[in-house]
């Protein structure tokens, strides 16, 4: 079954200078179907402040978060089927951008660092298998052309 996913991205000019002056703000908004609006911007690592908003989510962060979130939801689904009880799941995921061999700037890799607190004991071998399965199930990881690795923290 196919599903459609929609988001509205909205940017407004009007800072007094023409776009051709290249001094326009990269700050914008992401609107999602559930009613959530997220402040977004280019990364301050790409476009310096004040033309970017360091408090907003940038597309690179959003991609890393989407990968971490998809892996987490897949892992929680699999853990629930194995009757594992989880008190908390935290992933401080990291993405690296840079130049590929063809000269294009791209996301080069993402490393997930899930740290899971189980209620009771959990077999480390089973947890490892579940991470592998979760990675295979994650449709976001299946959609990207760069390596996504999972390095669980203890």
N, C-alpha and C. Protein backbone atom coordinates (compact mmCIF):
# COMPACT_ATOMS: atom_id res chain seq x y z
N UNK A 1 0.84 -1.17 0.00
CA UNK A 1 0.00 0.00 0.00
C UNK A 1 0.89 1.25 0.00
N UNK A 2 0.60 2.18 -0.86
CA UNK A 2 1.33 3.44 -0.91
C UNK A 2 0.64 4.48 -0.04
N UNK A 3 1.42 5.37 0.52
CA UNK A 3 0.91 6.45 1.35
C UNK A 3 1.48 7.76 0.85
N UNK A 4 0.72 8.82 0.98
CA UNK A 4 1.21 10.15 0.62
C UNK A 4 1.56 10.90 1.91
N UNK A 5 2.64 11.60 1.88
CA UNK A 5 3.08 12.40 3.02
C UNK A 5 3.28 13.82 2.52
N UNK A 6 2.70 14.77 3.23
CA UNK A 6 2.74 16.15 2.78
C UNK A 6 3.30 17.07 3.84
N UNK A 7 3.98 18.08 3.37
CA UNK A 7 4.45 19.16 4.22
C UNK A 7 4.38 20.43 3.38
N UNK A 8 4.10 21.53 4.02
CA UNK A 8 4.11 22.82 3.34
C UNK A 8 5.31 23.60 3.86
N UNK A 9 6.13 24.08 2.94
CA UNK A 9 7.30 24.88 3.28
C UNK A 9 6.99 26.30 2.83
N UNK A 10 7.10 27.24 3.77
CA UNK A 10 6.71 28.62 3.50
C UNK A 10 7.83 29.59 3.84
N UNK A 11 8.21 30.42 2.86
CA UNK A 11 9.20 31.48 3.04
C UNK A 11 8.58 32.78 2.56
N UNK A 12 8.83 33.84 3.25
CA UNK A 12 8.32 35.16 2.84
C UNK A 12 9.47 36.15 2.81
N UNK A 13 9.53 36.89 1.75
CA UNK A 13 10.54 37.95 1.60
C UNK A 13 10.07 39.20 2.29
N UNK A 14 10.48 40.32 1.74
CA UNK A 14 10.00 41.59 2.26
C UNK A 14 10.93 42.25 3.25
N UNK A 15 12.21 41.90 3.25
CA UNK A 15 13.16 42.55 4.16
C UNK A 15 13.70 43.85 3.56
N UNK A 16 13.14 44.29 2.42
CA UNK A 16 13.54 45.57 1.86
C UNK A 16 14.58 45.49 0.76
N UNK A 17 15.29 44.40 0.64
CA UNK A 17 16.28 44.26 -0.42
C UNK A 17 15.78 43.27 -1.45
N UNK A 18 16.13 43.47 -2.72
CA UNK A 18 15.73 42.49 -3.73
C UNK A 18 16.47 41.16 -3.51
N UNK A 19 15.84 40.10 -3.92
CA UNK A 19 16.44 38.76 -3.77
C UNK A 19 17.82 38.71 -4.42
N UNK A 20 17.98 39.42 -5.53
CA UNK A 20 19.25 39.41 -6.25
C UNK A 20 20.42 39.98 -5.43
N UNK A 21 20.10 40.72 -4.36
CA UNK A 21 21.16 41.24 -3.48
C UNK A 21 21.80 40.13 -2.65
N UNK A 22 21.14 38.97 -2.59
CA UNK A 22 21.65 37.78 -1.90
C UNK A 22 21.84 37.97 -0.40
N UNK A 23 21.10 38.92 0.19
CA UNK A 23 21.17 39.16 1.63
C UNK A 23 19.84 38.80 2.27
N UNK A 24 19.16 37.81 1.70
CA UNK A 24 17.83 37.44 2.17
C UNK A 24 17.93 36.41 3.29
N UNK A 25 16.96 36.46 4.17
CA UNK A 25 16.90 35.50 5.27
C UNK A 25 16.52 34.13 4.73
N UNK A 26 17.17 33.13 5.25
CA UNK A 26 16.84 31.74 4.90
C UNK A 26 15.84 31.14 5.88
N UNK A 27 15.39 31.92 6.85
CA UNK A 27 14.40 31.45 7.82
C UNK A 27 13.07 31.23 7.11
N UNK A 28 12.42 30.15 7.46
CA UNK A 28 11.13 29.81 6.87
C UNK A 28 10.37 28.91 7.85
N UNK A 29 9.24 28.39 7.45
CA UNK A 29 8.41 27.55 8.32
C UNK A 29 8.05 26.27 7.59
N UNK A 30 8.02 25.18 8.37
CA UNK A 30 7.49 23.90 7.88
C UNK A 30 6.14 23.70 8.56
N UNK A 31 5.11 23.48 7.77
CA UNK A 31 3.77 23.22 8.29
C UNK A 31 3.42 21.77 8.00
N UNK A 32 2.99 21.04 9.02
CA UNK A 32 2.64 19.63 8.86
C UNK A 32 1.15 19.44 9.06
N UNK A 33 0.64 18.34 8.51
CA UNK A 33 -0.80 18.10 8.47
C UNK A 33 -1.46 18.00 9.84
N UNK A 34 -0.71 17.67 10.86
CA UNK A 34 -1.30 17.59 12.21
C UNK A 34 -1.44 18.95 12.88
N UNK A 35 -1.00 20.01 12.20
CA UNK A 35 -1.12 21.35 12.75
C UNK A 35 0.17 21.90 13.33
N UNK A 36 1.23 21.11 13.33
CA UNK A 36 2.50 21.57 13.89
C UNK A 36 3.22 22.46 12.87
N UNK A 37 3.74 23.57 13.35
CA UNK A 37 4.59 24.43 12.53
C UNK A 37 5.97 24.46 13.18
N UNK A 38 6.99 24.24 12.36
CA UNK A 38 8.36 24.17 12.85
C UNK A 38 9.17 25.29 12.20
N UNK A 39 9.85 26.11 13.02
CA UNK A 39 10.75 27.09 12.44
C UNK A 39 11.93 26.37 11.78
N UNK A 40 12.23 26.74 10.55
CA UNK A 40 13.30 26.09 9.80
C UNK A 40 14.21 27.16 9.19
N UNK A 41 15.40 26.75 8.82
CA UNK A 41 16.36 27.67 8.23
C UNK A 41 17.49 26.87 7.61
N UNK A 42 18.30 27.53 6.83
CA UNK A 42 19.54 26.88 6.41
C UNK A 42 20.43 26.75 7.64
N UNK A 43 21.37 25.84 7.56
CA UNK A 43 22.31 25.66 8.67
C UNK A 43 23.23 26.87 8.76
N UNK A 44 23.50 27.35 9.97
CA UNK A 44 24.46 28.45 10.11
C UNK A 44 25.87 28.03 9.69
N UNK A 45 26.09 26.72 9.54
CA UNK A 45 27.38 26.24 9.03
C UNK A 45 27.48 26.45 7.52
N UNK A 46 26.33 26.64 6.87
CA UNK A 46 26.29 26.82 5.42
C UNK A 46 26.07 28.29 5.07
N UNK A 47 25.10 28.91 5.73
CA UNK A 47 24.79 30.32 5.51
C UNK A 47 24.93 31.02 6.85
N UNK A 48 25.86 31.97 6.95
CA UNK A 48 26.12 32.59 8.26
C UNK A 48 24.92 33.37 8.81
N UNK A 49 24.89 33.45 10.15
CA UNK A 49 23.95 34.29 10.87
C UNK A 49 24.32 35.73 10.49
N UNK A 50 23.45 36.62 10.25
CA UNK A 50 22.02 36.64 10.55
C UNK A 50 21.14 36.16 9.39
N UNK A 51 21.75 35.68 8.31
CA UNK A 51 20.93 35.23 7.18
C UNK A 51 20.32 33.86 7.42
N UNK A 52 20.80 33.15 8.43
CA UNK A 52 20.18 31.89 8.87
C UNK A 52 19.79 32.05 10.33
N UNK A 53 18.93 31.16 10.78
CA UNK A 53 18.45 31.22 12.16
C UNK A 53 18.97 29.99 12.90
N UNK A 54 19.96 30.15 13.78
CA UNK A 54 20.54 28.99 14.48
C UNK A 54 19.56 28.30 15.43
N UNK A 55 18.46 28.97 15.80
CA UNK A 55 17.47 28.35 16.69
C UNK A 55 16.48 27.48 15.92
N UNK A 56 16.49 27.55 14.60
CA UNK A 56 15.56 26.79 13.78
C UNK A 56 16.17 25.45 13.38
N UNK A 57 15.32 24.56 12.90
CA UNK A 57 15.77 23.26 12.42
C UNK A 57 16.24 23.42 10.98
N UNK A 58 17.42 22.89 10.68
CA UNK A 58 17.89 22.94 9.30
C UNK A 58 17.65 21.59 8.62
N UNK A 59 17.62 21.56 7.29
CA UNK A 59 17.31 20.32 6.58
C UNK A 59 18.26 19.17 6.93
N UNK A 60 19.51 19.47 7.19
CA UNK A 60 20.46 18.41 7.54
C UNK A 60 20.10 17.78 8.87
N UNK A 61 19.78 18.62 9.87
CA UNK A 61 19.34 18.10 11.17
C UNK A 61 18.06 17.29 11.03
N UNK A 62 17.16 17.77 10.19
CA UNK A 62 15.88 17.08 10.01
C UNK A 62 16.10 15.70 9.40
N UNK A 63 17.02 15.59 8.47
CA UNK A 63 17.31 14.29 7.86
C UNK A 63 17.89 13.33 8.90
N UNK A 64 18.82 13.80 9.70
CA UNK A 64 19.41 12.97 10.76
C UNK A 64 18.32 12.56 11.76
N UNK A 65 17.47 13.50 12.14
CA UNK A 65 16.39 13.19 13.09
C UNK A 65 15.40 12.19 12.49
N UNK A 66 15.09 12.32 11.21
CA UNK A 66 14.17 11.39 10.56
C UNK A 66 14.74 9.98 10.57
N UNK A 67 16.03 9.84 10.31
CA UNK A 67 16.65 8.51 10.35
C UNK A 67 16.62 7.93 11.76
N UNK A 68 16.97 8.74 12.76
CA UNK A 68 16.98 8.27 14.14
C UNK A 68 15.57 7.91 14.61
N UNK A 69 14.60 8.73 14.24
CA UNK A 69 13.22 8.48 14.64
C UNK A 69 12.67 7.22 14.00
N UNK A 70 12.94 7.03 12.72
CA UNK A 70 12.46 5.83 12.02
C UNK A 70 13.08 4.57 12.63
N UNK A 71 14.38 4.61 12.92
CA UNK A 71 15.04 3.46 13.54
C UNK A 71 14.42 3.17 14.90
N UNK A 72 14.22 4.24 15.70
CA UNK A 72 13.64 4.07 17.03
C UNK A 72 12.26 3.42 16.96
N UNK A 73 11.40 3.94 16.07
CA UNK A 73 10.05 3.39 15.98
C UNK A 73 10.07 1.94 15.52
N UNK A 74 10.98 1.60 14.60
CA UNK A 74 11.11 0.21 14.16
C UNK A 74 11.61 -0.66 15.31
N UNK A 75 12.58 -0.16 16.07
CA UNK A 75 13.12 -0.91 17.20
C UNK A 75 12.05 -1.14 18.26
N UNK A 76 11.31 -0.08 18.61
CA UNK A 76 10.26 -0.22 19.63
C UNK A 76 9.20 -1.22 19.19
N UNK A 77 8.84 -1.20 17.93
CA UNK A 77 7.87 -2.17 17.40
C UNK A 77 8.38 -3.58 17.58
N UNK A 78 9.63 -3.82 17.20
CA UNK A 78 10.21 -5.17 17.31
C UNK A 78 10.37 -5.58 18.78
N UNK A 79 10.80 -4.66 19.62
CA UNK A 79 10.97 -4.96 21.05
C UNK A 79 9.63 -5.33 21.69
N UNK A 80 8.57 -4.64 21.28
CA UNK A 80 7.26 -4.94 21.85
C UNK A 80 6.81 -6.35 21.47
N UNK A 81 7.18 -6.79 20.28
CA UNK A 81 6.82 -8.13 19.84
C UNK A 81 7.60 -9.21 20.59
N UNK A 82 8.75 -8.83 21.17
CA UNK A 82 9.56 -9.75 21.96
C UNK A 82 9.30 -9.57 23.45
N UNK A 83 8.29 -8.78 23.80
CA UNK A 83 7.89 -8.52 25.18
C UNK A 83 9.00 -7.87 26.01
N UNK A 84 9.85 -7.08 25.36
CA UNK A 84 10.84 -6.30 26.09
C UNK A 84 10.18 -5.01 26.55
N UNK A 85 10.44 -4.62 27.78
CA UNK A 85 9.87 -3.39 28.31
C UNK A 85 10.98 -2.34 28.35
N UNK A 86 10.69 -1.18 27.79
CA UNK A 86 11.69 -0.12 27.66
C UNK A 86 11.21 1.09 28.44
N UNK A 87 12.09 1.59 29.31
CA UNK A 87 11.78 2.78 30.10
C UNK A 87 12.12 4.05 29.32
N UNK A 88 13.21 4.02 28.56
CA UNK A 88 13.59 5.20 27.78
C UNK A 88 14.48 4.80 26.61
N UNK A 89 14.41 5.62 25.59
CA UNK A 89 15.22 5.43 24.38
C UNK A 89 15.68 6.82 23.97
N UNK A 90 16.98 7.04 23.96
CA UNK A 90 17.57 8.33 23.58
C UNK A 90 18.61 8.06 22.51
N UNK A 91 18.58 8.83 21.44
CA UNK A 91 19.57 8.66 20.36
C UNK A 91 20.16 10.02 20.04
N UNK A 92 21.44 10.17 20.30
CA UNK A 92 22.15 11.39 19.94
C UNK A 92 22.85 11.11 18.60
N UNK A 93 22.07 11.15 17.55
CA UNK A 93 22.53 10.80 16.21
C UNK A 93 23.39 11.91 15.62
N UNK A 94 24.29 11.53 14.73
CA UNK A 94 25.21 12.48 14.10
C UNK A 94 25.24 12.24 12.60
N UNK A 95 25.19 13.32 11.86
CA UNK A 95 25.33 13.24 10.41
C UNK A 95 26.53 14.05 9.96
N UNK A 96 27.14 13.61 8.88
CA UNK A 96 28.30 14.33 8.33
C UNK A 96 28.02 14.69 6.88
N UNK A 97 28.16 15.98 6.58
CA UNK A 97 28.06 16.43 5.20
C UNK A 97 29.46 16.76 4.69
N UNK A 98 29.60 16.73 3.40
CA UNK A 98 30.88 17.05 2.77
C UNK A 98 30.79 16.82 1.28
N UNK A 99 31.92 16.86 0.63
CA UNK A 99 31.97 16.66 -0.82
C UNK A 99 32.15 15.19 -1.16
N UNK A 100 31.31 14.73 -2.08
CA UNK A 100 31.45 13.37 -2.60
C UNK A 100 32.53 13.35 -3.68
N UNK A 101 32.85 12.16 -4.16
CA UNK A 101 33.87 12.02 -5.20
C UNK A 101 33.50 12.78 -6.47
N UNK A 102 32.20 12.92 -6.75
CA UNK A 102 31.76 13.64 -7.95
C UNK A 102 31.74 15.15 -7.75
N UNK A 103 32.18 15.63 -6.57
CA UNK A 103 32.27 17.05 -6.30
C UNK A 103 31.02 17.67 -5.70
N UNK A 104 29.92 16.92 -5.64
CA UNK A 104 28.68 17.45 -5.08
C UNK A 104 28.71 17.39 -3.56
N UNK A 105 28.13 18.41 -2.92
CA UNK A 105 27.98 18.40 -1.47
C UNK A 105 26.78 17.53 -1.13
N UNK A 106 26.95 16.67 -0.13
CA UNK A 106 25.89 15.73 0.22
C UNK A 106 26.06 15.28 1.66
N UNK A 107 25.03 14.62 2.17
CA UNK A 107 25.15 13.93 3.44
C UNK A 107 26.00 12.70 3.13
N UNK A 108 27.10 12.54 3.84
CA UNK A 108 28.03 11.44 3.57
C UNK A 108 27.75 10.22 4.43
N UNK A 109 27.29 10.46 5.65
CA UNK A 109 27.01 9.33 6.55
C UNK A 109 26.21 9.83 7.75
N UNK A 110 25.52 8.87 8.37
CA UNK A 110 24.82 9.14 9.63
C UNK A 110 25.13 7.98 10.56
N UNK A 111 25.44 8.32 11.80
CA UNK A 111 25.67 7.32 12.84
C UNK A 111 24.62 7.52 13.92
N UNK A 112 23.88 6.46 14.20
CA UNK A 112 22.90 6.48 15.27
C UNK A 112 23.54 5.94 16.53
N UNK A 113 23.26 6.57 17.65
CA UNK A 113 23.82 6.17 18.95
C UNK A 113 22.68 5.93 19.95
N UNK A 114 21.85 4.92 19.70
CA UNK A 114 20.75 4.70 20.63
C UNK A 114 21.24 4.24 22.00
N UNK A 115 20.67 4.83 23.02
CA UNK A 115 20.93 4.43 24.39
C UNK A 115 19.58 4.07 24.99
N UNK A 116 19.43 2.80 25.34
CA UNK A 116 18.14 2.28 25.76
C UNK A 116 18.21 1.84 27.21
N UNK A 117 17.22 2.27 27.98
CA UNK A 117 17.08 1.81 29.36
C UNK A 117 15.92 0.82 29.39
N UNK A 118 16.24 -0.42 29.69
CA UNK A 118 15.24 -1.47 29.76
C UNK A 118 14.70 -1.59 31.18
N UNK A 119 13.46 -1.99 31.29
CA UNK A 119 12.88 -2.35 32.58
C UNK A 119 13.22 -3.82 32.75
N UNK A 120 14.09 -4.12 33.68
CA UNK A 120 14.57 -5.49 33.81
C UNK A 120 15.75 -5.75 32.89
N UNK A 121 16.07 -7.01 32.72
CA UNK A 121 17.22 -7.41 31.91
C UNK A 121 16.82 -7.59 30.45
N UNK A 122 17.78 -7.35 29.58
CA UNK A 122 17.59 -7.61 28.16
C UNK A 122 18.85 -8.29 27.64
N UNK A 123 18.68 -9.37 26.91
CA UNK A 123 19.80 -10.12 26.33
C UNK A 123 20.50 -9.25 25.29
N UNK A 124 21.79 -8.94 25.48
CA UNK A 124 22.51 -8.08 24.53
C UNK A 124 22.50 -8.63 23.10
N UNK A 125 22.55 -9.95 22.95
CA UNK A 125 22.52 -10.53 21.60
C UNK A 125 21.18 -10.25 20.92
N UNK A 126 20.09 -10.37 21.70
CA UNK A 126 18.77 -10.10 21.15
C UNK A 126 18.64 -8.63 20.80
N UNK A 127 19.14 -7.75 21.65
CA UNK A 127 19.08 -6.31 21.39
C UNK A 127 19.84 -5.99 20.09
N UNK A 128 21.00 -6.61 19.91
CA UNK A 128 21.76 -6.41 18.68
C UNK A 128 20.99 -6.87 17.45
N UNK A 129 20.33 -8.02 17.56
CA UNK A 129 19.51 -8.53 16.45
C UNK A 129 18.37 -7.58 16.15
N UNK A 130 17.75 -7.04 17.19
CA UNK A 130 16.64 -6.11 16.99
C UNK A 130 17.11 -4.82 16.31
N UNK A 131 18.30 -4.35 16.67
CA UNK A 131 18.84 -3.15 15.99
C UNK A 131 19.06 -3.46 14.51
N UNK A 132 19.60 -4.63 14.21
CA UNK A 132 19.83 -5.01 12.81
C UNK A 132 18.50 -5.07 12.06
N UNK A 133 17.51 -5.73 12.65
CA UNK A 133 16.18 -5.83 12.02
C UNK A 133 15.54 -4.45 11.87
N UNK A 134 15.67 -3.62 12.89
CA UNK A 134 15.08 -2.28 12.84
C UNK A 134 15.71 -1.48 11.70
N UNK A 135 17.01 -1.63 11.53
CA UNK A 135 17.70 -0.93 10.44
C UNK A 135 17.17 -1.40 9.09
N UNK A 136 16.95 -2.69 8.96
CA UNK A 136 16.41 -3.25 7.72
C UNK A 136 14.99 -2.78 7.46
N UNK A 137 14.20 -2.58 8.52
CA UNK A 137 12.80 -2.14 8.38
C UNK A 137 12.66 -0.65 8.11
N UNK A 138 13.63 0.13 8.51
CA UNK A 138 13.52 1.59 8.46
C UNK A 138 13.48 2.08 7.01
N UNK A 139 12.32 2.55 6.59
CA UNK A 139 12.16 2.96 5.20
C UNK A 139 12.92 4.24 4.88
N UNK A 140 13.22 5.05 5.88
CA UNK A 140 14.04 6.24 5.64
C UNK A 140 15.47 5.80 5.34
N UNK A 141 16.02 4.88 6.13
CA UNK A 141 17.36 4.36 5.86
C UNK A 141 17.41 3.65 4.51
N UNK A 142 16.31 3.00 4.14
CA UNK A 142 16.25 2.32 2.85
C UNK A 142 16.16 3.30 1.69
N UNK A 143 15.93 4.57 1.97
CA UNK A 143 15.72 5.57 0.92
C UNK A 143 16.94 6.43 0.63
N UNK A 144 17.96 6.35 1.45
CA UNK A 144 19.11 7.24 1.28
C UNK A 144 20.27 6.51 0.61
N UNK A 145 21.18 7.27 0.01
CA UNK A 145 22.29 6.68 -0.73
C UNK A 145 23.63 6.84 0.00
N UNK A 146 23.58 6.92 1.31
CA UNK A 146 24.80 7.01 2.12
C UNK A 146 24.66 6.03 3.27
N UNK A 147 25.80 5.64 3.87
CA UNK A 147 25.72 4.66 4.97
C UNK A 147 25.08 5.24 6.23
N UNK A 148 24.23 4.42 6.82
CA UNK A 148 23.64 4.71 8.14
C UNK A 148 24.06 3.57 9.03
N UNK A 149 24.83 3.86 10.05
CA UNK A 149 25.29 2.82 10.97
C UNK A 149 24.67 3.02 12.33
N UNK A 150 24.57 1.91 13.05
CA UNK A 150 23.97 1.93 14.38
C UNK A 150 25.04 1.50 15.37
N UNK A 151 25.38 2.37 16.29
CA UNK A 151 26.37 2.10 17.33
C UNK A 151 25.72 2.33 18.69
N UNK A 152 25.02 1.31 19.21
CA UNK A 152 24.33 1.50 20.49
C UNK A 152 25.30 1.85 21.62
N UNK A 153 24.84 2.72 22.50
CA UNK A 153 25.62 3.08 23.68
C UNK A 153 25.13 2.25 24.85
N UNK A 154 26.02 1.88 25.73
CA UNK A 154 25.66 1.08 26.89
C UNK A 154 25.45 1.98 28.08
